[in-house]
């Protein structure tokens, strides 16, 4: 029985048709510096006339790039070997073949609101949409919280329609980054008890790295992985191929190629279309449920991953952290290029691009249990042939910053011991925090660290690299003293206050120039 008979849809003449190949849905920045919005087809056809994609969040930008890469793979517009990759990158090979392939697909296959095969969605949810669905805020990761609770001032039941292009981008982001948790749909009298179990999205637990080029086309070419095998299926809609069931949790499936990987349906999603008062297609109700599960990915599907070594010696892809900014892990990123010990990967290819200056863009999603906290992203310069210098200064720069932070912590402790001679144990942490300038230090250090990396890429010899490190250390030391003095300004103007201030500042200076201090910190004070 057709799905449309299981759940009657509005009259076809009233149901909007929305096709991302024909309607603008990709926010971009042109090479002339103008913001615009283009269709998927034009994003590929005119990729070298745009600087890049400018999504509402870094995660949305990643999701759009992933989708465009999937089209390139599915259309065969990708290199077969590393030599082909180098040739396409150096020659700025156009992506018009991918645009033509996408443009020639059947219109009914690319309708976001098709009654039986909605793009990127699971039409099997149709009988349950009205009962278990929620307002369109459910679709947007930054608004949905844990999919059940009020979050970010957007009530999940609020019926304000979401424009079709916004809904499309939010859907792609859910498939890639949706956090784990429980869905609102019931496992009883629906598709099965496992329908409620939301697994974390494919990129939801690790840092994704893109090499950014001068244009969108350059970026896509840089990040296409050479593949001489089958591209795999393009996951256009849930019912186009056999999928998992929901009676129980199934084993993860193996991806069958890069097009499959980049379009994995990480969520079962169904959107109810509507038309706004000004006649624009929109979404007014959304139902989210469990999506596809994958078996652990092979190394060739993780070519951008940056690996860190745990205490037990195992290596795992770098994860985003709420307590540790991405720049503090830059040494791991440069180590991936310098060592290249995980076989052919993105960094092995980038190292072959002599004469190019690139930017490595890192993106991650931080979630506390099942609730999204924030997106994190950062950019790092990369010049082939300078990876070892960059790794060295990143390691030293991070070590110096960590050491200065520890000095500030010890100085705060000294101020506390003098200010509060008879403290209550329950008050200790708050009292020490009064003098602890580490938050200001970490917030300040990001900019000098990035300047250090830029200076390293421009350095002509090792002496200039060492000088850049000494200058960086001096900036951090001077700022640390300033931040500590600002914290100590709250002390009373009496003998105890003066004593606490003097002892804390002396301790800071002694630690910054002591025998355990990094040489770069002591060099400017000799």
Protein backbone atom coordinates (compact mmCIF):
# COMPACT_ATOMS: atom_id res chain seq x y z
CA UNK A 1 0.00 0.00 0.00
CA UNK A 2 1.44 3.40 -0.91
CA UNK A 3 2.52 5.59 2.01
CA UNK A 4 0.17 8.31 0.80
CA UNK A 5 -2.75 5.96 1.47
CA UNK A 6 -1.47 5.10 4.93
CA UNK A 7 -1.45 8.77 5.83
CA UNK A 8 -3.39 10.99 3.43
CA UNK A 9 -1.46 14.08 2.46
CA UNK A 10 -2.94 17.48 1.59
CA UNK A 11 -4.19 17.86 -1.93
CA UNK A 12 -1.17 17.81 -4.20
CA UNK A 13 -1.92 21.26 -5.53
CA UNK A 14 -1.72 22.59 -1.95
CA UNK A 15 1.44 20.71 -0.97
CA UNK A 16 4.46 22.93 -1.68
CA UNK A 17 7.32 21.66 -3.81
CA UNK A 18 10.77 22.70 -2.70
CA UNK A 19 13.96 21.55 -4.43
CA UNK A 20 17.41 22.62 -3.10
CA UNK A 21 18.79 22.25 -6.62
CA UNK A 22 16.42 24.98 -7.83
CA UNK A 23 15.85 27.11 -4.71
CA UNK A 24 18.59 29.10 -2.98
CA UNK A 25 19.68 27.31 0.17
CA UNK A 26 23.48 27.68 0.40
CA UNK A 27 24.58 30.92 2.11
CA UNK A 28 27.86 31.95 0.57
CA UNK A 29 30.36 34.78 0.26
CA UNK A 30 31.40 35.78 -3.25
CA UNK A 31 34.96 36.60 -4.25
CA UNK A 32 33.76 40.21 -4.44
CA UNK A 33 33.00 40.06 -0.72
CA UNK A 34 29.21 40.02 -1.04
CA UNK A 35 26.89 37.73 0.91
CA UNK A 36 24.51 35.72 -1.24
CA UNK A 37 22.46 32.54 -1.26
CA UNK A 38 22.67 30.03 -4.10
CA UNK A 39 21.22 26.68 -5.11
CA UNK A 40 23.12 23.44 -4.72
CA UNK A 41 23.67 23.34 -8.48
CA UNK A 42 25.03 26.89 -8.61
CA UNK A 43 27.22 26.27 -5.57
CA UNK A 44 29.02 23.64 -7.63
CA UNK A 45 28.84 25.30 -11.03
CA UNK A 46 30.19 28.61 -9.73
CA UNK A 47 32.29 27.24 -6.87
CA UNK A 48 35.39 29.15 -7.97
CA UNK A 49 33.48 32.43 -7.91
CA UNK A 50 32.73 32.08 -4.18
CA UNK A 51 35.08 32.38 -1.24
CA UNK A 52 33.16 29.81 0.75
CA UNK A 53 29.99 28.83 2.58
CA UNK A 54 28.81 30.98 5.49
CA UNK A 55 26.27 28.93 7.43
CA UNK A 56 24.49 30.16 10.55
CA UNK A 57 26.84 27.98 12.64
CA UNK A 58 30.12 26.24 11.99
CA UNK A 59 28.28 22.91 12.16
CA UNK A 60 25.82 23.97 9.48
CA UNK A 61 28.71 25.00 7.23
CA UNK A 62 30.33 21.59 7.73
CA UNK A 63 27.05 19.82 6.92
CA UNK A 64 26.70 21.75 3.64
CA UNK A 65 30.31 21.03 2.67
CA UNK A 66 29.77 17.34 3.43
CA UNK A 67 26.68 17.31 1.18
CA UNK A 68 28.48 19.01 -1.70
CA UNK A 69 31.36 16.55 -1.36
CA UNK A 70 28.82 13.72 -1.52
CA UNK A 71 27.47 15.07 -4.81
CA UNK A 72 31.02 15.20 -6.19
CA UNK A 73 31.59 11.57 -5.24
CA UNK A 74 28.23 10.37 -6.54
CA UNK A 75 28.78 12.13 -9.87
CA UNK A 76 32.28 10.75 -10.31
CA UNK A 77 33.78 14.23 -10.01
CA UNK A 78 36.60 13.10 -7.75
CA UNK A 79 40.20 12.03 -8.26
CA UNK A 80 41.08 8.35 -8.59
CA UNK A 81 44.67 8.70 -7.32
CA UNK A 82 46.81 11.15 -5.37
CA UNK A 83 48.40 12.22 -8.66
CA UNK A 84 44.92 13.00 -10.04
CA UNK A 85 44.18 14.93 -6.86
CA UNK A 86 47.32 17.03 -7.23
CA UNK A 87 46.52 17.72 -10.87
CA UNK A 88 42.95 18.82 -10.07
CA UNK A 89 44.07 21.05 -7.20
CA UNK A 90 46.88 22.73 -9.15
CA UNK A 91 44.77 23.17 -12.31
CA UNK A 92 41.64 24.41 -10.46
CA UNK A 93 39.63 21.71 -12.21
CA UNK A 94 36.01 22.96 -12.43
CA UNK A 95 33.18 21.13 -10.68
CA UNK A 96 30.73 21.58 -13.53
CA UNK A 97 30.40 17.82 -14.07
CA UNK A 98 29.04 17.50 -10.53
CA UNK A 99 26.66 20.40 -11.16
CA UNK A 100 25.44 18.83 -14.41
CA UNK A 101 24.91 15.45 -12.75
CA UNK A 102 22.90 17.01 -9.94
CA UNK A 103 20.89 19.16 -12.36
CA UNK A 104 19.91 16.08 -14.40
CA UNK A 105 18.45 14.06 -11.52
CA UNK A 106 14.66 13.48 -11.58
CA UNK A 107 12.76 16.36 -9.99
CA UNK A 108 10.65 14.05 -7.81
CA UNK A 109 13.82 12.69 -6.19
CA UNK A 110 14.81 16.10 -4.85
CA UNK A 111 11.54 17.39 -3.42
CA UNK A 112 11.88 18.14 0.29
CA UNK A 113 8.12 17.71 0.64
CA UNK A 114 7.48 14.68 -1.57
CA UNK A 115 4.63 12.68 0.03
CA UNK A 116 6.36 9.30 -0.29
CA UNK A 117 10.08 10.01 -0.79
CA UNK A 118 10.83 13.31 0.98
CA UNK A 119 14.44 14.36 0.52
CA UNK A 120 16.63 13.38 3.48
CA UNK A 121 13.68 12.08 5.48
CA UNK A 122 11.88 8.92 6.60
CA UNK A 123 8.32 8.79 5.25
CA UNK A 124 7.58 5.79 7.52
CA UNK A 125 7.10 8.32 10.33
CA UNK A 126 4.07 9.86 8.59
CA UNK A 127 1.37 8.12 10.69
CA UNK A 128 2.95 9.45 13.89
CA UNK A 129 3.85 13.01 12.91
CA UNK A 130 0.75 14.71 14.29
CA UNK A 131 0.76 12.81 17.59
CA UNK A 132 4.46 12.83 18.43
CA UNK A 133 5.86 15.70 16.39
CA UNK A 134 6.75 19.13 17.76
CA UNK A 135 7.30 22.62 16.48
CA UNK A 136 10.15 23.18 14.00
CA UNK A 137 12.53 24.27 16.79
CA UNK A 138 12.91 20.51 17.31
CA UNK A 139 14.92 20.40 14.09
CA UNK A 140 17.51 23.04 14.98
CA UNK A 141 20.29 21.59 17.14
CA UNK A 142 20.95 24.89 18.93
CA UNK A 143 17.27 25.23 19.90
CA UNK A 144 16.24 21.67 20.62
CA UNK A 145 18.13 21.03 23.85
CA UNK A 146 17.77 17.33 24.59
CA UNK A 147 14.74 17.09 22.24
CA UNK A 148 12.33 17.16 25.18
CA UNK A 149 12.95 20.28 27.22
CA UNK A 150 12.60 24.01 26.72
CA UNK A 151 15.97 25.31 25.54
CA UNK A 152 17.53 28.50 24.21
CA UNK A 153 14.26 30.44 24.55
CA UNK A 154 12.63 28.37 21.80
CA UNK A 155 9.67 26.35 22.99
CA UNK A 156 9.47 23.06 21.14
CA UNK A 157 5.73 23.36 20.65
CA UNK A 158 5.86 26.85 19.21
CA UNK A 159 4.27 26.61 15.77
CA UNK A 160 6.16 29.47 14.05
CA UNK A 161 7.02 28.05 10.62
CA UNK A 162 10.63 27.48 9.64
CA UNK A 163 11.47 28.55 6.07
CA UNK A 164 12.20 25.60 3.80
CA UNK A 165 15.83 26.54 3.18
CA UNK A 166 16.51 26.89 6.90
CA UNK A 167 14.79 23.56 7.57
CA UNK A 168 16.87 21.87 4.86
CA UNK A 169 20.15 23.08 6.35
CA UNK A 170 19.02 22.15 9.88
CA UNK A 171 18.10 18.66 8.65
CA UNK A 172 21.56 18.14 7.13
CA UNK A 173 23.16 19.31 10.38
CA UNK A 174 21.05 16.85 12.40
CA UNK A 175 22.16 13.95 10.23
CA UNK A 176 25.82 14.82 10.80
CA UNK A 177 25.90 16.18 14.36
CA UNK A 178 22.69 15.21 16.17
CA UNK A 179 23.52 14.48 19.84
CA UNK A 180 22.55 11.22 21.49
CA UNK A 181 19.55 10.90 23.77
CA UNK A 182 15.91 9.92 23.73
CA UNK A 183 13.41 10.96 21.08
CA UNK A 184 9.92 12.23 21.90
CA UNK A 185 8.24 9.48 19.88
CA UNK A 186 6.96 6.48 21.81
CA UNK A 187 8.27 3.01 21.09
CA UNK A 188 4.78 1.58 21.66
CA UNK A 189 2.32 1.30 18.79
CA UNK A 190 4.86 2.86 16.39
CA UNK A 191 7.77 1.29 14.51
CA UNK A 192 9.34 -0.41 17.53
CA UNK A 193 10.94 0.29 20.91
CA UNK A 194 14.34 1.15 19.39
CA UNK A 195 12.80 4.11 17.54
CA UNK A 196 13.41 6.31 20.59
CA UNK A 197 17.16 5.67 20.92
CA UNK A 198 19.08 8.53 19.30
CA UNK A 199 22.73 7.78 18.62
CA UNK A 200 25.26 10.61 18.35
CA UNK A 201 25.82 11.80 14.79
CA UNK A 202 28.77 10.71 12.68
CA UNK A 203 30.81 13.84 13.55
CA UNK A 204 29.16 14.54 16.90
CA UNK A 205 31.98 13.15 19.01
CA UNK A 206 35.14 14.21 17.18
CA UNK A 207 36.86 17.19 15.63
CA UNK A 208 36.31 17.54 11.88
CA UNK A 209 39.16 19.18 9.97
CA UNK A 210 38.81 20.89 6.60
CA UNK A 211 41.59 22.33 4.49
CA UNK A 212 40.31 25.73 3.36
CA UNK A 213 41.39 27.03 -0.03
CA UNK A 214 41.08 30.39 -1.74
CA UNK A 215 37.59 29.61 -3.07
CA UNK A 216 34.77 27.18 -2.38
CA UNK A 217 35.90 25.16 -5.38
CA UNK A 218 39.45 25.04 -4.06
CA UNK A 219 38.16 23.88 -0.66
CA UNK A 220 36.09 21.09 -2.16
CA UNK A 221 38.96 19.87 -4.35
CA UNK A 222 41.37 19.92 -1.40
CA UNK A 223 39.05 17.75 0.70
CA UNK A 224 37.99 15.22 -1.92
CA UNK A 225 39.55 11.87 -1.02
CA UNK A 226 41.02 10.00 -4.01
CA UNK A 227 38.85 6.96 -4.70
CA UNK A 228 38.98 4.53 -7.58
CA UNK A 229 36.18 2.35 -6.20
CA UNK A 230 32.42 2.66 -6.25
CA UNK A 231 31.14 5.90 -4.72
CA UNK A 232 28.38 4.06 -2.87
CA UNK A 233 24.76 5.04 -2.67
CA UNK A 234 23.66 8.62 -2.25
CA UNK A 235 21.20 8.45 0.66
CA UNK A 236 18.48 10.55 -0.89
CA UNK A 237 15.60 9.29 1.28
CA UNK A 238 15.07 6.56 3.89
CA UNK A 239 12.88 4.23 1.84
CA UNK A 240 15.09 4.14 -1.28
CA UNK A 241 17.11 1.22 0.12
CA UNK A 242 16.85 -1.46 2.84
CA UNK A 243 17.42 0.13 6.24
CA UNK A 244 17.56 -0.94 9.85
CA UNK A 245 14.41 -1.83 11.73
CA UNK A 246 13.33 -0.50 15.12
CA UNK A 247 12.18 -3.60 16.99
CA UNK A 248 15.68 -3.85 18.50
CA UNK A 249 19.03 -2.14 18.16
CA UNK A 250 20.73 -3.62 15.09
CA UNK A 251 24.48 -3.93 14.48
CA UNK A 252 25.99 -1.00 12.64
CA UNK A 253 26.15 -1.27 8.88
CA UNK A 254 29.25 -0.84 6.76
CA UNK A 255 29.36 2.20 4.49
CA UNK A 256 29.82 1.26 0.84
CA UNK A 257 31.64 4.33 -0.41
CA UNK A 258 32.31 8.03 0.13
CA UNK A 259 28.94 9.22 -1.24
CA UNK A 260 27.23 6.90 1.23
CA UNK A 261 29.43 8.10 4.10
CA UNK A 262 28.73 11.78 3.50
CA UNK A 263 24.94 11.29 3.27
CA UNK A 264 24.34 8.83 6.10
CA UNK A 265 20.86 9.47 7.54
CA UNK A 266 21.86 9.87 11.17
CA UNK A 267 18.26 10.62 12.12
CA UNK A 268 14.84 9.52 10.99
CA UNK A 269 13.23 12.89 10.30
CA UNK A 270 9.89 13.91 8.88
CA UNK A 271 8.79 17.51 8.31
CA UNK A 272 5.24 18.71 7.75
CA UNK A 273 5.09 21.31 4.98
CA UNK A 274 3.09 24.48 5.07
CA UNK A 275 2.91 27.75 3.18
CA UNK A 276 3.46 31.08 4.93
CA UNK A 277 1.16 34.06 4.55
CA UNK A 278 3.42 35.43 1.83
CA UNK A 279 3.30 32.16 -0.12
CA UNK A 280 6.72 30.77 0.85
CA UNK A 281 7.25 27.01 1.53
CA UNK A 282 7.99 26.30 5.18
CA UNK A 283 7.85 23.64 7.91
CA UNK A 284 5.49 23.84 10.89
CA UNK A 285 5.90 20.43 12.54
CA UNK A 286 8.81 17.98 12.85
CA UNK A 287 9.26 14.45 14.14
CA UNK A 288 12.72 13.11 14.97
CA UNK A 289 13.57 9.49 15.72
CA UNK A 290 16.47 7.05 15.59
CA UNK A 291 18.49 6.93 12.39
CA UNK A 292 21.13 4.74 10.83
CA UNK A 293 23.87 3.06 12.84
CA UNK A 294 27.35 2.50 11.40
CA UNK A 295 30.01 0.00 12.31
CA UNK A 296 33.34 1.58 13.34
CA UNK A 297 34.72 3.41 10.32
CA UNK A 298 37.83 2.20 8.54
CA UNK A 299 40.87 4.49 8.54
CA UNK A 300 40.32 5.56 4.93
CA UNK A 301 36.99 7.07 6.00
CA UNK A 302 38.71 9.12 8.74
CA UNK A 303 41.43 10.78 6.71
CA UNK A 304 41.01 14.18 8.37
CA UNK A 305 41.01 12.84 11.93
CA UNK A 306 43.57 14.20 14.39
CA UNK A 307 44.65 11.51 16.83
CA UNK A 308 45.62 11.86 20.47
CA UNK A 309 47.25 9.22 22.63
CA UNK A 310 45.55 8.21 25.86
CA UNK A 311 47.33 7.21 29.07
CA UNK A 312 46.98 3.52 28.17
CA UNK A 313 48.72 4.08 24.83
CA UNK A 314 45.63 3.83 22.64
CA UNK A 315 45.00 6.48 20.00
CA UNK A 316 41.63 8.04 19.37
CA UNK A 317 40.34 10.91 17.23
CA UNK A 318 40.54 14.26 19.02
CA UNK A 319 37.28 15.20 20.75
CA UNK A 320 36.00 18.72 21.45
CA UNK A 321 36.31 19.83 25.06
CA UNK A 322 34.45 22.44 27.08
CA UNK A 323 37.48 23.00 29.30
CA UNK A 324 40.25 23.01 26.70
CA UNK A 325 40.16 25.34 23.67
CA UNK A 326 41.07 23.92 20.28
CA UNK A 327 44.23 26.04 19.97
CA UNK A 328 45.65 24.19 22.97
CA UNK A 329 45.54 21.02 20.85
CA UNK A 330 47.17 22.59 17.79
CA UNK A 331 50.31 20.54 18.33
CA UNK A 332 48.27 17.36 17.68
CA UNK A 333 47.04 18.83 14.42
CA UNK A 334 50.54 19.65 13.22
CA UNK A 335 51.79 16.29 14.48
CA UNK A 336 49.28 14.66 12.11
CA UNK A 337 51.07 16.41 9.25
CA UNK A 338 54.62 16.02 10.54
CA UNK A 339 54.36 12.32 11.44
CA UNK A 340 51.83 11.08 8.86
CA UNK A 341 51.96 7.64 10.49
CA UNK A 342 48.34 6.64 9.83
CA UNK A 343 48.84 5.88 6.14
CA UNK A 344 47.73 8.02 3.19
CA UNK A 345 45.41 10.74 4.46
CA UNK A 346 44.49 14.38 4.07
CA UNK A 347 47.71 15.56 5.71
CA UNK A 348 49.91 13.38 3.54
CA UNK A 349 48.36 14.99 0.47
CA UNK A 350 48.51 18.55 1.84
CA UNK A 351 52.22 18.13 2.55
CA UNK A 352 52.76 17.66 -1.19
CA UNK A 353 51.37 21.08 -2.09
CA UNK A 354 54.64 22.97 -2.19
CA UNK A 355 54.29 26.71 -2.55
CA UNK A 356 50.77 26.84 -1.08
CA UNK A 357 49.65 28.48 2.15
CA UNK A 358 46.53 26.83 3.52
CA UNK A 359 44.23 27.17 6.48
CA UNK A 360 43.17 24.17 8.54
CA UNK A 361 39.68 24.69 9.95
CA UNK A 362 38.67 22.60 12.98
CA UNK A 363 35.06 22.19 14.10
CA UNK A 364 33.42 20.30 16.95
CA UNK A 365 30.18 20.16 18.92
CA UNK A 366 30.29 20.15 22.70
CA UNK A 367 27.39 18.43 24.44
CA UNK A 368 26.84 17.83 28.15
CA UNK A 369 25.35 14.36 28.27
CA UNK A 370 22.51 14.75 25.74
CA UNK A 371 22.24 18.54 25.69
CA UNK A 372 24.17 20.71 23.25
CA UNK A 373 26.40 23.32 24.90
CA UNK A 374 28.13 25.09 22.03
CA UNK A 375 29.95 24.79 18.74
CA UNK A 376 33.72 25.23 18.81
CA UNK A 377 35.89 26.07 15.83
CA UNK A 378 39.30 27.50 15.12
CA UNK A 379 41.68 28.00 12.21
CA UNK A 380 45.38 27.26 11.96
CA UNK A 381 47.89 28.20 9.24
CA UNK A 382 49.68 25.50 7.32
CA UNK A 383 52.57 25.82 4.88
CA UNK A 384 53.89 22.57 3.36
CA UNK A 385 57.46 22.02 4.46
CA UNK A 386 57.04 24.03 7.68
CA UNK A 387 55.00 21.42 9.56
CA UNK A 388 57.81 20.50 11.95
CA UNK A 389 58.44 24.14 12.91
CA UNK A 390 54.71 24.65 13.41
CA UNK A 391 54.45 21.54 15.54
CA UNK A 392 57.41 22.67 17.64
CA UNK A 393 56.07 26.16 18.37
CA UNK A 394 52.57 24.77 19.00
CA UNK A 395 53.98 22.35 21.58
CA UNK A 396 56.19 24.99 23.19
CA UNK A 397 53.46 27.63 23.04
CA UNK A 398 50.99 25.33 24.75
CA UNK A 399 53.56 24.32 27.38
CA UNK A 400 54.39 27.97 28.15
CA UNK A 401 50.70 28.83 28.47
CA UNK A 402 50.12 25.87 30.80
CA UNK A 403 53.09 26.88 32.93
CA UNK A 404 51.97 30.50 33.24
CA UNK A 405 48.51 29.27 34.27
CA UNK A 406 50.06 27.13 37.01
CA UNK A 407 52.04 30.16 38.22
CA UNK A 408 48.84 32.19 38.50
CA UNK A 409 47.21 29.35 40.43
CA UNK A 410 50.06 29.24 42.96
CA UNK A 411 50.04 33.03 43.32
CA UNK A 412 46.30 32.94 44.04
CA UNK A 413 46.93 30.34 46.74
CA UNK A 414 49.54 32.58 48.37
CA UNK A 415 47.12 35.53 48.39
CA UNK A 416 44.47 33.31 49.94
CA UNK A 417 46.68 32.02 52.76
CA UNK A 418 47.51 35.57 53.82
CA UNK A 419 44.03 37.04 53.38
CA UNK A 420 42.14 34.21 55.12
CA UNK A 421 44.29 32.88 58.01
CA UNK A 422 41.38 30.90 59.51
CA UNK A 423 39.20 29.87 56.58
CA UNK A 424 36.23 27.52 56.69
CA UNK A 425 36.93 24.46 54.52
CA UNK A 426 33.63 24.91 52.69
CA UNK A 427 34.66 28.44 51.63
CA UNK A 428 38.16 27.57 50.39
CA UNK A 429 37.43 27.12 46.68
CA UNK A 430 35.40 30.32 46.34
CA UNK A 431 37.96 32.31 48.29
CA UNK A 432 40.87 31.12 46.16
CA UNK A 433 38.85 31.76 42.98
CA UNK A 434 38.67 35.43 44.04
CA UNK A 435 42.41 35.76 43.31
CA UNK A 436 42.74 33.21 40.50
CA UNK A 437 43.43 35.00 37.20
CA UNK A 438 43.58 31.88 35.06
CA UNK A 439 40.26 32.57 33.28
CA UNK A 440 41.61 35.94 32.05
CA UNK A 441 44.89 34.28 31.08
CA UNK A 442 43.24 31.60 28.93
CA UNK A 443 40.90 34.08 27.28
CA UNK A 444 43.83 36.36 26.43
CA UNK A 445 46.33 33.75 25.25
CA UNK A 446 44.45 32.58 22.15
CA UNK A 447 45.38 35.69 20.13
CA UNK A 448 49.13 35.71 20.96
CA UNK A 449 49.23 31.97 20.21
CA UNK A 450 47.76 32.48 16.74
CA UNK A 451 50.19 35.35 16.14
CA UNK A 452 53.00 32.97 17.11
CA UNK A 453 51.85 30.50 14.45
CA UNK A 454 51.65 33.25 11.83
CA UNK A 455 55.12 34.49 12.74
CA UNK A 456 56.43 30.94 12.40
CA UNK A 457 55.04 30.53 8.88
CA UNK A 458 56.81 33.77 7.92
CA UNK A 459 60.10 32.93 9.67
CA UNK A 460 63.09 32.37 7.41
CA UNK A 461 65.28 30.46 9.88
CA UNK A 462 65.30 28.79 13.29
CA UNK A 463 66.58 31.92 15.03
CA UNK A 464 63.44 33.79 13.96
CA UNK A 465 61.27 30.91 15.21
CA UNK A 466 63.02 31.01 18.59
CA UNK A 467 62.66 34.81 18.74
CA UNK A 468 58.93 34.50 18.07
CA UNK A 469 58.60 32.09 20.99
CA UNK A 470 60.50 34.43 23.33
CA UNK A 471 58.28 37.34 22.32
CA UNK A 472 55.17 35.20 22.85
CA UNK A 473 56.36 34.18 26.32
CA UNK A 474 57.04 37.82 27.24
CA UNK A 475 53.52 38.82 26.20
CA UNK A 476 52.01 36.08 28.35
CA UNK A 477 54.18 36.91 31.37
CA UNK A 478 53.38 40.63 31.21
CA UNK A 479 49.66 39.92 30.87
CA UNK A 480 49.75 37.44 33.78
CA UNK A 481 51.14 40.11 36.08
CA UNK A 482 48.47 42.55 34.95
CA UNK A 483 45.66 40.03 35.44
CA UNK A 484 46.88 39.09 38.91
CA UNK A 485 47.17 42.73 39.99
CA UNK A 486 43.61 43.35 38.82
CA UNK A 487 42.43 40.42 40.94
CA UNK A 488 44.36 41.69 43.97
CA UNK A 489 42.86 45.19 43.68
CA UNK A 490 39.89 43.93 45.69
CA UNK A 491 42.07 43.46 48.78
CA UNK A 492 41.51 45.92 51.63
CA UNK A 493 43.91 48.84 52.00
CA UNK A 494 45.45 47.57 55.24
CA UNK A 495 48.58 45.72 56.28
CA UNK A 496 47.15 42.28 55.56
CA UNK A 497 45.94 43.39 52.15
CA UNK A 498 49.33 44.91 51.27
CA UNK A 499 51.11 41.80 52.53
CA UNK A 500 48.89 39.45 50.48
CA UNK A 501 49.41 41.53 47.37
CA UNK A 502 53.18 41.75 47.76
CA UNK A 503 53.65 38.04 48.50
CA UNK A 504 51.42 36.92 45.61
CA UNK A 505 53.23 39.14 43.10
CA UNK A 506 56.62 38.01 44.36
CA UNK A 507 55.56 34.38 44.04
CA UNK A 508 54.39 34.93 40.50
CA UNK A 509 57.65 36.60 39.46
CA UNK A 510 59.73 33.94 41.19
CA UNK A 511 57.88 31.14 39.44
CA UNK A 512 58.05 32.81 36.02
CA UNK A 513 61.85 33.08 36.30
CA UNK A 514 62.56 30.01 38.42
CA UNK A 515 64.51 26.88 37.47
CA UNK A 516 61.37 25.02 36.37
CA UNK A 517 60.20 27.80 34.05
CA UNK A 518 60.45 27.24 30.28
CA UNK A 519 63.59 28.83 28.85
CA UNK A 520 61.55 31.23 26.73
CA UNK A 521 60.06 32.83 29.85
CA UNK A 522 63.50 33.32 31.42
CA UNK A 523 65.12 34.62 28.25
CA UNK A 524 63.41 38.01 28.43
CA UNK A 525 64.29 38.47 32.12
CA UNK A 526 68.02 37.75 32.05
